[in-house]
Amino acid sequence: MKMTREHFRAQATLCADIISELQIRGILKSDVVKASIIDSFCDMCERANPKFDRGMFNAWVENILHGFKNN
């Protein structure tokens, strides 16, 4: 099954939820670690679809983390 934009959005939402939970628990305190988590998700998504857009994924995650709505 090929991953679609909706799959990638679901992955980005999951990524943001994981980061948020780690921040709330005081486990994740470094932006470097946060970037590493996002990069790991992006690497997985790129393997599924070479046309995957890292910038869009990052924006989706950051919007969620900052309380903005995604469209």
C-alpha atoms as a PDB file:
ATOM      1  CA  MET A   1       0.000   0.000   0.000  1.00  0.00           C
ATOM      2  CA  LYS A   2       1.336   3.415  -0.963  1.00  0.00           C
ATOM      3  CA  MET A   3       1.239   6.065   1.738  1.00  0.00           C
ATOM      4  CA  THR A   4      -0.937   9.050   0.904  1.00  0.00           C
ATOM      5  CA  ARG A   5      -0.934  12.651   2.107  1.00  0.00           C
ATOM      6  CA  GLU A   6      -3.477  11.642   4.753  1.00  0.00           C
ATOM      7  CA  HIS A   7      -1.109   8.944   6.025  1.00  0.00           C
ATOM      8  CA  PHE A   8       1.716  11.474   6.251  1.00  0.00           C
ATOM      9  CA  ARG A   9      -0.521  13.933   8.100  1.00  0.00           C
ATOM     10  CA  ALA A  10      -1.476  11.202  10.556  1.00  0.00           C
ATOM     11  CA  GLN A  11       2.226  10.406  11.052  1.00  0.00           C
ATOM     12  CA  ALA A  12       3.005  14.098  11.626  1.00  0.00           C
ATOM     13  CA  THR A  13       0.192  14.355  14.162  1.00  0.00           C
ATOM     14  CA  LEU A  14       1.508  11.266  15.949  1.00  0.00           C
ATOM     15  CA  CYS A  15       5.025  12.716  15.909  1.00  0.00           C
ATOM     16  CA  ALA A  16       3.760  15.981  17.445  1.00  0.00           C
ATOM     17  CA  ASP A  17       1.793  14.066  20.085  1.00  0.00           C
ATOM     18  CA  ILE A  18       4.895  12.082  21.070  1.00  0.00           C
ATOM     19  CA  ILE A  19       7.048  15.217  21.280  1.00  0.00           C
ATOM     20  CA  SER A  20       4.387  17.042  23.278  1.00  0.00           C
ATOM     21  CA  GLU A  21       4.037  14.185  25.754  1.00  0.00           C
ATOM     22  CA  LEU A  22       7.804  13.966  26.220  1.00  0.00           C
ATOM     23  CA  GLN A  23       7.954  17.721  26.811  1.00  0.00           C
ATOM     24  CA  ILE A  24       5.105  17.611  29.345  1.00  0.00           C
ATOM     25  CA  ARG A  25       6.835  14.824  31.259  1.00  0.00           C
ATOM     26  CA  GLY A  26      10.097  16.777  31.264  1.00  0.00           C
ATOM     27  CA  ILE A  27      11.886  14.066  29.305  1.00  0.00           C
ATOM     28  CA  LEU A  28      12.499  16.118  26.162  1.00  0.00           C
ATOM     29  CA  LYS A  29      14.240  19.394  26.905  1.00  0.00           C
ATOM     30  CA  SER A  30      16.404  19.855  23.813  1.00  0.00           C
ATOM     31  CA  ASP A  31      15.431  21.152  20.389  1.00  0.00           C
ATOM     32  CA  VAL A  32      18.160  18.898  18.989  1.00  0.00           C
ATOM     33  CA  VAL A  33      16.338  15.815  20.309  1.00  0.00           C
ATOM     34  CA  LYS A  34      13.022  17.144  18.979  1.00  0.00           C
ATOM     35  CA  ALA A  35      14.593  17.632  15.544  1.00  0.00           C
ATOM     36  CA  SER A  36      16.019  14.117  15.696  1.00  0.00           C
ATOM     37  CA  ILE A  37      12.569  12.654  16.378  1.00  0.00           C
ATOM     38  CA  ILE A  38      11.079  14.599  13.470  1.00  0.00           C
ATOM     39  CA  ASP A  39      13.955  13.552  11.196  1.00  0.00           C
ATOM     40  CA  SER A  40      13.396   9.897  12.087  1.00  0.00           C
ATOM     41  CA  PHE A  41       9.740  10.162  11.109  1.00  0.00           C
ATOM     42  CA  CYS A  42      10.730  11.960   7.884  1.00  0.00           C
ATOM     43  CA  ASP A  43      13.274   9.271   7.011  1.00  0.00           C
ATOM     44  CA  MET A  44      10.588   6.611   7.360  1.00  0.00           C
ATOM     45  CA  CYS A  45       8.140   8.613   5.236  1.00  0.00           C
ATOM     46  CA  GLU A  46      10.751   9.235   2.519  1.00  0.00           C
ATOM     47  CA  ARG A  47      11.378   5.503   2.243  1.00  0.00           C
ATOM     48  CA  ALA A  48       7.648   5.042   1.657  1.00  0.00           C
ATOM     49  CA  ASN A  49       7.402   7.801  -0.941  1.00  0.00           C
ATOM     50  CA  PRO A  50      10.375   9.556  -2.591  1.00  0.00           C
ATOM     51  CA  LYS A  51       8.175  12.611  -3.285  1.00  0.00           C
ATOM     52  CA  PHE A  52       7.613  13.099   0.453  1.00  0.00           C
ATOM     53  CA  ASP A  53       7.895  16.780   1.503  1.00  0.00           C
ATOM     54  CA  ARG A  54       9.963  17.195   4.697  1.00  0.00           C
ATOM     55  CA  GLY A  55       9.144  20.901   4.888  1.00  0.00           C
ATOM     56  CA  MET A  56       5.411  20.267   4.871  1.00  0.00           C
ATOM     57  CA  PHE A  57       5.808  17.534   7.496  1.00  0.00           C
ATOM     58  CA  ASN A  58       7.885  19.798   9.741  1.00  0.00           C
ATOM     59  CA  ALA A  59       5.388  22.633   9.377  1.00  0.00           C
ATOM     60  CA  TRP A  60       2.510  20.301  10.288  1.00  0.00           C
ATOM     61  CA  VAL A  61       4.313  19.113  13.437  1.00  0.00           C
ATOM     62  CA  GLU A  62       5.359  22.632  14.496  1.00  0.00           C
ATOM     63  CA  ASN A  63       1.831  23.978  13.947  1.00  0.00           C
ATOM     64  CA  ILE A  64       0.417  21.328  16.256  1.00  0.00           C
ATOM     65  CA  LEU A  65       3.091  21.964  18.880  1.00  0.00           C
ATOM     66  CA  HIS A  66       2.343  25.697  18.802  1.00  0.00           C
ATOM     67  CA  GLY A  67      -1.436  25.253  18.853  1.00  0.00           C
ATOM     68  CA  PHE A  68      -2.146  26.314  15.282  1.00  0.00           C
ATOM     69  CA  LYS A  69      -4.675  24.613  13.034  1.00  0.00           C
ATOM     70  CA  ASN A  70      -3.494  22.682  10.011  1.00  0.00           C
ATOM     71  CA  ASN A  71      -5.448  22.572   6.770  1.00  0.00           C
END
